[in-house]
Amino acid sequence: MAKFVVYEKVSELIYQSVDKSTASAGMQTTINLGSGLVAGLAAAVISQPADTMLSKINKTKGLPGEGTTSRLIKIARELGLRGSFAGLPARLFMVGVSDIPDCPVEFRANLPLDTYSRSICNLR
C-alpha cells in the first residue's frame, strides 16, 4: 500500500510544476520511473523492520510453550531500532535496480494498451 500512495503523491508533486498535457511521452515516462523509484525505496524502508523480524523468527526456534507474540517481543528487544534496519542498504540497492522497470507497467495498467505503447516508445 505504501508504494502506491507514495507513487501517487510523488507524481502529483511533480505534475504541479510540469504540465502533463504538454509533457512529452519521454518526460512522462521519466516522471513515472522517478516516482516508481522513490515509491520503491519508501516501501523498502517501511517494510524492512517487519522483514528482519520475520527472518529472525524463521531462523530461531522458540522455547517450549513460548508463543509467537512473546518471541517477536524478545527478538525486537534483541535487535533494537538499529538492528531492525540491518541489511537496508543492500535492499535499497536491490529495489533501485529491480523495481523501477515494473512501475510504469503496474501504475499504467489501467490505460489502453495502445496509449501505453505510444508513451513508452515516444510515439504520438
N, C-alpha and C. Protein backbone atom coordinates (compact mmCIF):
# COMPACT_ATOMS: atom_id res chain seq x y z
N MET A 1 0.82 -1.20 0.00
CA MET A 1 0.00 0.00 0.00
C MET A 1 0.86 1.26 0.00
N ALA A 2 1.93 1.24 0.78
CA ALA A 2 2.78 2.42 0.86
C ALA A 2 3.35 2.78 -0.50
N LYS A 3 3.70 1.77 -1.27
CA LYS A 3 4.29 2.02 -2.58
C LYS A 3 3.33 2.80 -3.48
N PHE A 4 2.07 2.41 -3.47
CA PHE A 4 1.09 3.07 -4.33
C PHE A 4 0.81 4.51 -3.86
N VAL A 5 0.71 4.69 -2.55
CA VAL A 5 0.45 6.03 -2.01
C VAL A 5 1.61 6.96 -2.32
N VAL A 6 2.82 6.50 -2.05
CA VAL A 6 4.00 7.34 -2.30
C VAL A 6 4.12 7.64 -3.79
N TYR A 7 3.90 6.64 -4.63
CA TYR A 7 3.97 6.86 -6.08
C TYR A 7 3.01 7.97 -6.51
N GLU A 8 1.78 7.87 -6.05
CA GLU A 8 0.77 8.88 -6.43
C GLU A 8 1.14 10.27 -5.91
N LYS A 9 1.60 10.35 -4.67
CA LYS A 9 1.96 11.65 -4.08
C LYS A 9 3.15 12.28 -4.80
N VAL A 10 4.16 11.47 -5.11
CA VAL A 10 5.34 11.99 -5.82
C VAL A 10 4.94 12.45 -7.22
N SER A 11 4.14 11.66 -7.90
CA SER A 11 3.68 12.04 -9.24
C SER A 11 2.90 13.35 -9.20
N GLU A 12 1.98 13.46 -8.24
CA GLU A 12 1.20 14.69 -8.09
C GLU A 12 2.10 15.88 -7.83
N LEU A 13 3.09 15.70 -6.97
CA LEU A 13 4.02 16.78 -6.65
C LEU A 13 4.78 17.24 -7.89
N ILE A 14 5.25 16.29 -8.68
CA ILE A 14 5.98 16.64 -9.90
C ILE A 14 5.07 17.33 -10.91
N TYR A 15 3.85 16.80 -11.06
CA TYR A 15 2.94 17.37 -12.05
C TYR A 15 2.37 18.72 -11.62
N GLN A 16 2.65 19.17 -10.40
CA GLN A 16 2.29 20.53 -10.01
C GLN A 16 3.19 21.55 -10.71
N SER A 17 4.41 21.10 -11.06
CA SER A 17 5.32 22.01 -11.74
C SER A 17 5.52 21.66 -13.22
N VAL A 18 4.98 20.54 -13.66
CA VAL A 18 5.08 20.13 -15.07
C VAL A 18 3.66 19.93 -15.59
N ASP A 19 3.34 20.59 -16.69
CA ASP A 19 2.02 20.43 -17.29
C ASP A 19 1.96 19.09 -18.03
N LYS A 20 1.13 18.20 -17.53
CA LYS A 20 1.06 16.85 -18.09
C LYS A 20 0.60 16.87 -19.55
N SER A 21 -0.27 17.79 -19.90
CA SER A 21 -0.80 17.82 -21.26
C SER A 21 0.26 18.23 -22.29
N THR A 22 1.27 18.98 -21.86
CA THR A 22 2.32 19.40 -22.79
C THR A 22 3.60 18.59 -22.63
N ALA A 23 3.66 17.75 -21.61
CA ALA A 23 4.86 16.93 -21.40
C ALA A 23 4.94 15.84 -22.46
N SER A 24 6.13 15.64 -22.96
CA SER A 24 6.32 14.60 -23.98
C SER A 24 6.15 13.22 -23.34
N ALA A 25 5.99 12.24 -24.20
CA ALA A 25 5.85 10.86 -23.70
C ALA A 25 7.11 10.44 -22.94
N GLY A 26 8.27 10.87 -23.43
CA GLY A 26 9.52 10.56 -22.74
C GLY A 26 9.59 11.19 -21.36
N MET A 27 9.11 12.44 -21.25
CA MET A 27 9.08 13.11 -19.95
C MET A 27 8.12 12.40 -19.01
N GLN A 28 6.97 12.01 -19.50
CA GLN A 28 6.01 11.30 -18.65
C GLN A 28 6.58 9.96 -18.19
N THR A 29 7.29 9.28 -19.06
CA THR A 29 7.92 8.02 -18.68
C THR A 29 8.99 8.26 -17.62
N THR A 30 9.77 9.31 -17.79
CA THR A 30 10.80 9.66 -16.80
C THR A 30 10.17 9.96 -15.45
N ILE A 31 9.07 10.69 -15.46
CA ILE A 31 8.37 11.00 -14.22
C ILE A 31 7.84 9.72 -13.57
N ASN A 32 7.29 8.83 -14.39
CA ASN A 32 6.80 7.55 -13.85
C ASN A 32 7.94 6.73 -13.24
N LEU A 33 9.07 6.68 -13.93
CA LEU A 33 10.20 5.92 -13.42
C LEU A 33 10.76 6.53 -12.13
N GLY A 34 10.88 7.85 -12.11
CA GLY A 34 11.36 8.53 -10.90
C GLY A 34 10.42 8.35 -9.73
N SER A 35 9.13 8.48 -9.99
CA SER A 35 8.13 8.28 -8.94
C SER A 35 8.16 6.84 -8.45
N GLY A 36 8.36 5.91 -9.38
CA GLY A 36 8.45 4.50 -9.02
C GLY A 36 9.67 4.20 -8.16
N LEU A 37 10.79 4.84 -8.47
CA LEU A 37 11.99 4.65 -7.68
C LEU A 37 11.78 5.14 -6.25
N VAL A 38 11.25 6.34 -6.11
CA VAL A 38 11.00 6.89 -4.78
C VAL A 38 10.01 6.01 -4.02
N ALA A 39 8.96 5.56 -4.70
CA ALA A 39 7.95 4.71 -4.05
C ALA A 39 8.55 3.37 -3.62
N GLY A 40 9.37 2.77 -4.45
CA GLY A 40 10.01 1.51 -4.11
C GLY A 40 10.95 1.64 -2.92
N LEU A 41 11.72 2.72 -2.90
CA LEU A 41 12.62 2.96 -1.78
C LEU A 41 11.85 3.19 -0.49
N ALA A 42 10.78 3.96 -0.56
CA ALA A 42 9.97 4.20 0.63
C ALA A 42 9.35 2.90 1.16
N ALA A 43 8.84 2.08 0.26
CA ALA A 43 8.25 0.81 0.68
C ALA A 43 9.29 -0.10 1.30
N ALA A 44 10.51 -0.09 0.77
CA ALA A 44 11.58 -0.91 1.34
C ALA A 44 11.93 -0.47 2.75
N VAL A 45 12.02 0.83 2.96
CA VAL A 45 12.33 1.35 4.30
C VAL A 45 11.21 1.02 5.28
N ILE A 46 9.98 1.18 4.84
CA ILE A 46 8.84 0.94 5.73
C ILE A 46 8.74 -0.53 6.13
N SER A 47 8.99 -1.43 5.20
CA SER A 47 8.80 -2.85 5.49
C SER A 47 10.04 -3.56 6.03
N GLN A 48 11.18 -2.89 6.06
CA GLN A 48 12.42 -3.53 6.49
C GLN A 48 12.34 -4.10 7.92
N PRO A 49 11.86 -3.36 8.92
CA PRO A 49 11.84 -3.94 10.27
C PRO A 49 10.98 -5.21 10.36
N ALA A 50 9.84 -5.22 9.71
CA ALA A 50 8.99 -6.42 9.74
C ALA A 50 9.66 -7.59 9.04
N ASP A 51 10.33 -7.33 7.93
CA ASP A 51 11.02 -8.40 7.20
C ASP A 51 12.20 -8.94 8.01
N THR A 52 12.90 -8.06 8.72
CA THR A 52 14.00 -8.50 9.56
C THR A 52 13.49 -9.40 10.68
N MET A 53 12.38 -8.99 11.30
CA MET A 53 11.79 -9.80 12.38
C MET A 53 11.32 -11.14 11.84
N LEU A 54 10.70 -11.16 10.69
CA LEU A 54 10.23 -12.40 10.10
C LEU A 54 11.39 -13.35 9.82
N SER A 55 12.48 -12.79 9.30
CA SER A 55 13.66 -13.60 9.03
C SER A 55 14.21 -14.20 10.32
N LYS A 56 14.28 -13.40 11.37
CA LYS A 56 14.80 -13.88 12.66
C LYS A 56 13.89 -14.95 13.27
N ILE A 57 12.59 -14.74 13.20
CA ILE A 57 11.68 -15.71 13.81
C ILE A 57 11.71 -17.03 13.06
N ASN A 58 11.95 -16.99 11.75
CA ASN A 58 12.05 -18.23 10.98
C ASN A 58 13.38 -18.95 11.20
N LYS A 59 14.42 -18.22 11.58
CA LYS A 59 15.74 -18.82 11.79
C LYS A 59 15.91 -19.41 13.18
N THR A 60 15.19 -18.91 14.15
CA THR A 60 15.38 -19.35 15.54
C THR A 60 14.20 -20.18 16.01
N LYS A 61 14.51 -21.14 16.84
CA LYS A 61 13.45 -21.95 17.45
C LYS A 61 13.01 -21.29 18.74
N GLY A 62 11.72 -21.33 18.98
CA GLY A 62 11.20 -20.81 20.23
C GLY A 62 11.37 -21.82 21.34
N LEU A 63 11.32 -21.34 22.55
CA LEU A 63 11.36 -22.22 23.71
C LEU A 63 10.05 -22.99 23.79
N PRO A 64 10.07 -24.15 24.41
CA PRO A 64 8.82 -24.91 24.54
C PRO A 64 7.75 -24.07 25.27
N GLY A 65 6.59 -23.97 24.66
CA GLY A 65 5.49 -23.22 25.26
C GLY A 65 5.54 -21.72 25.01
N GLU A 66 6.57 -21.27 24.33
CA GLU A 66 6.71 -19.83 24.05
C GLU A 66 5.84 -19.46 22.85
N GLY A 67 5.00 -18.46 23.00
CA GLY A 67 4.11 -18.03 21.93
C GLY A 67 4.82 -17.14 20.93
N THR A 68 4.17 -16.95 19.80
CA THR A 68 4.74 -16.12 18.73
C THR A 68 4.92 -14.68 19.18
N THR A 69 3.93 -14.14 19.88
CA THR A 69 4.00 -12.75 20.33
C THR A 69 5.19 -12.54 21.25
N SER A 70 5.36 -13.43 22.21
CA SER A 70 6.49 -13.27 23.14
C SER A 70 7.83 -13.43 22.40
N ARG A 71 7.88 -14.30 21.40
CA ARG A 71 9.09 -14.44 20.59
C ARG A 71 9.39 -13.16 19.83
N LEU A 72 8.36 -12.55 19.25
CA LEU A 72 8.54 -11.30 18.50
C LEU A 72 9.02 -10.19 19.41
N ILE A 73 8.46 -10.11 20.61
CA ILE A 73 8.88 -9.08 21.55
C ILE A 73 10.34 -9.29 21.94
N LYS A 74 10.70 -10.54 22.21
CA LYS A 74 12.08 -10.86 22.58
C LYS A 74 13.04 -10.50 21.45
N ILE A 75 12.68 -10.85 20.21
CA ILE A 75 13.53 -10.55 19.06
C ILE A 75 13.65 -9.05 18.86
N ALA A 76 12.55 -8.32 19.02
CA ALA A 76 12.57 -6.86 18.87
C ALA A 76 13.50 -6.23 19.90
N ARG A 77 13.48 -6.72 21.12
CA ARG A 77 14.38 -6.19 22.16
C ARG A 77 15.84 -6.48 21.82
N GLU A 78 16.09 -7.68 21.32
CA GLU A 78 17.46 -8.04 20.96
C GLU A 78 17.98 -7.20 19.79
N LEU A 79 17.13 -6.98 18.80
CA LEU A 79 17.55 -6.23 17.62
C LEU A 79 17.71 -4.74 17.91
N GLY A 80 16.77 -4.18 18.61
CA GLY A 80 16.75 -2.74 18.81
C GLY A 80 16.37 -2.04 17.51
N LEU A 81 16.28 -0.74 17.57
CA LEU A 81 15.88 0.03 16.39
C LEU A 81 16.91 -0.11 15.27
N ARG A 82 18.17 0.03 15.62
CA ARG A 82 19.23 -0.05 14.62
C ARG A 82 19.29 -1.43 13.96
N GLY A 83 19.17 -2.47 14.75
CA GLY A 83 19.22 -3.83 14.23
C GLY A 83 18.03 -4.16 13.34
N SER A 84 16.91 -3.49 13.56
CA SER A 84 15.72 -3.72 12.73
C SER A 84 15.94 -3.30 11.29
N PHE A 85 16.89 -2.40 11.10
CA PHE A 85 17.17 -1.91 9.75
C PHE A 85 18.45 -2.52 9.16
N ALA A 86 18.93 -3.61 9.77
CA ALA A 86 20.12 -4.28 9.24
C ALA A 86 19.83 -4.78 7.82
N GLY A 87 20.76 -4.57 6.95
CA GLY A 87 20.60 -5.02 5.57
C GLY A 87 19.86 -4.04 4.68
N LEU A 88 19.49 -2.89 5.21
CA LEU A 88 18.73 -1.93 4.42
C LEU A 88 19.49 -1.40 3.19
N PRO A 89 20.77 -1.07 3.30
CA PRO A 89 21.47 -0.57 2.10
C PRO A 89 21.42 -1.56 0.93
N ALA A 90 21.64 -2.83 1.22
CA ALA A 90 21.58 -3.83 0.15
C ALA A 90 20.17 -3.92 -0.43
N ARG A 91 19.19 -3.83 0.43
CA ARG A 91 17.80 -3.90 -0.03
C ARG A 91 17.46 -2.68 -0.89
N LEU A 92 17.92 -1.51 -0.50
CA LEU A 92 17.65 -0.31 -1.30
C LEU A 92 18.31 -0.42 -2.66
N PHE A 93 19.52 -0.96 -2.71
CA PHE A 93 20.18 -1.17 -4.00
C PHE A 93 19.36 -2.13 -4.87
N MET A 94 18.91 -3.22 -4.25
CA MET A 94 18.13 -4.21 -5.00
C MET A 94 16.84 -3.58 -5.54
N VAL A 95 16.18 -2.78 -4.73
CA VAL A 95 14.95 -2.13 -5.17
C VAL A 95 15.25 -1.17 -6.31
N GLY A 96 16.33 -0.41 -6.16
CA GLY A 96 16.69 0.55 -7.20
C GLY A 96 16.97 -0.11 -8.54
N VAL A 97 17.55 -1.29 -8.50
CA VAL A 97 17.90 -1.98 -9.74
C VAL A 97 16.72 -2.75 -10.32
N SER A 98 15.96 -3.40 -9.46
CA SER A 98 14.94 -4.33 -9.97
C SER A 98 13.52 -3.79 -10.00
N ASP A 99 13.22 -2.80 -9.20
CA ASP A 99 11.84 -2.38 -9.04
C ASP A 99 11.40 -1.32 -10.05
N ILE A 100 12.30 -0.50 -10.50
CA ILE A 100 11.92 0.62 -11.36
C ILE A 100 11.22 0.18 -12.65
N PRO A 101 11.73 -0.81 -13.38
CA PRO A 101 11.06 -1.16 -14.63
C PRO A 101 9.62 -1.63 -14.45
N ASP A 102 9.26 -2.12 -13.27
CA ASP A 102 7.90 -2.59 -13.03
C ASP A 102 6.90 -1.45 -12.89
N CYS A 103 7.34 -0.31 -12.42
CA CYS A 103 6.41 0.74 -12.04
C CYS A 103 5.55 1.27 -13.18
N PRO A 104 6.11 1.59 -14.34
CA PRO A 104 5.23 2.07 -15.39
C PRO A 104 4.19 1.03 -15.78
N VAL A 105 4.56 -0.22 -15.73
CA VAL A 105 3.62 -1.29 -16.07
C VAL A 105 2.53 -1.38 -15.01
N GLU A 106 2.93 -1.39 -13.73
CA GLU A 106 1.96 -1.51 -12.64
C GLU A 106 1.01 -0.32 -12.59
N PHE A 107 1.57 0.88 -12.68
CA PHE A 107 0.77 2.06 -12.44
C PHE A 107 0.04 2.56 -13.68
N ARG A 108 0.36 2.03 -14.85
CA ARG A 108 -0.34 2.42 -16.06
C ARG A 108 -1.20 1.29 -16.58
N ALA A 109 -1.39 0.29 -15.77
CA ALA A 109 -2.15 -0.89 -16.20
C ALA A 109 -3.58 -0.56 -16.57
N ASN A 110 -4.09 0.54 -16.05
CA ASN A 110 -5.47 0.89 -16.36
C ASN A 110 -5.60 1.64 -17.69
N LEU A 111 -4.49 1.93 -18.37
CA LEU A 111 -4.56 2.61 -19.66
C LEU A 111 -4.73 1.59 -20.78
N PRO A 112 -5.37 1.98 -21.86
CA PRO A 112 -5.45 1.08 -23.01
C PRO A 112 -4.04 0.76 -23.51
N LEU A 113 -3.84 -0.42 -24.04
CA LEU A 113 -2.52 -0.87 -24.45
C LEU A 113 -1.90 0.07 -25.48
N ASP A 114 -2.66 0.57 -26.43
CA ASP A 114 -2.08 1.43 -27.45
C ASP A 114 -1.57 2.74 -26.86
N THR A 115 -2.25 3.28 -25.83
CA THR A 115 -1.79 4.50 -25.17
C THR A 115 -0.47 4.24 -24.46
N TYR A 116 -0.40 3.13 -23.75
CA TYR A 116 0.83 2.79 -23.03
C TYR A 116 1.98 2.58 -24.01
N SER A 117 1.74 1.85 -25.08
CA SER A 117 2.79 1.58 -26.07
C SER A 117 3.29 2.87 -26.69
N ARG A 118 2.40 3.77 -27.01
CA ARG A 118 2.81 5.04 -27.61
C ARG A 118 3.66 5.84 -26.62
N SER A 119 3.28 5.86 -25.33
CA SER A 119 4.03 6.67 -24.38
C SER A 119 5.41 6.09 -24.13
N ILE A 120 5.56 4.77 -24.10
CA ILE A 120 6.86 4.17 -23.88
C ILE A 120 7.76 4.36 -25.09
N CYS A 121 7.20 4.30 -26.27
CA CYS A 121 8.00 4.37 -27.49
C CYS A 121 8.12 5.78 -28.04
N ASN A 122 7.65 6.79 -27.29
CA ASN A 122 7.70 8.20 -27.73
C ASN A 122 6.95 8.41 -29.04
N LEU A 123 5.88 7.71 -29.24
CA LEU A 123 5.07 7.87 -30.44
C LEU A 123 3.83 8.70 -30.10
N ARG A 124 3.33 9.40 -31.05
CA ARG A 124 2.12 10.21 -30.80
C ARG A 124 0.94 9.58 -31.47
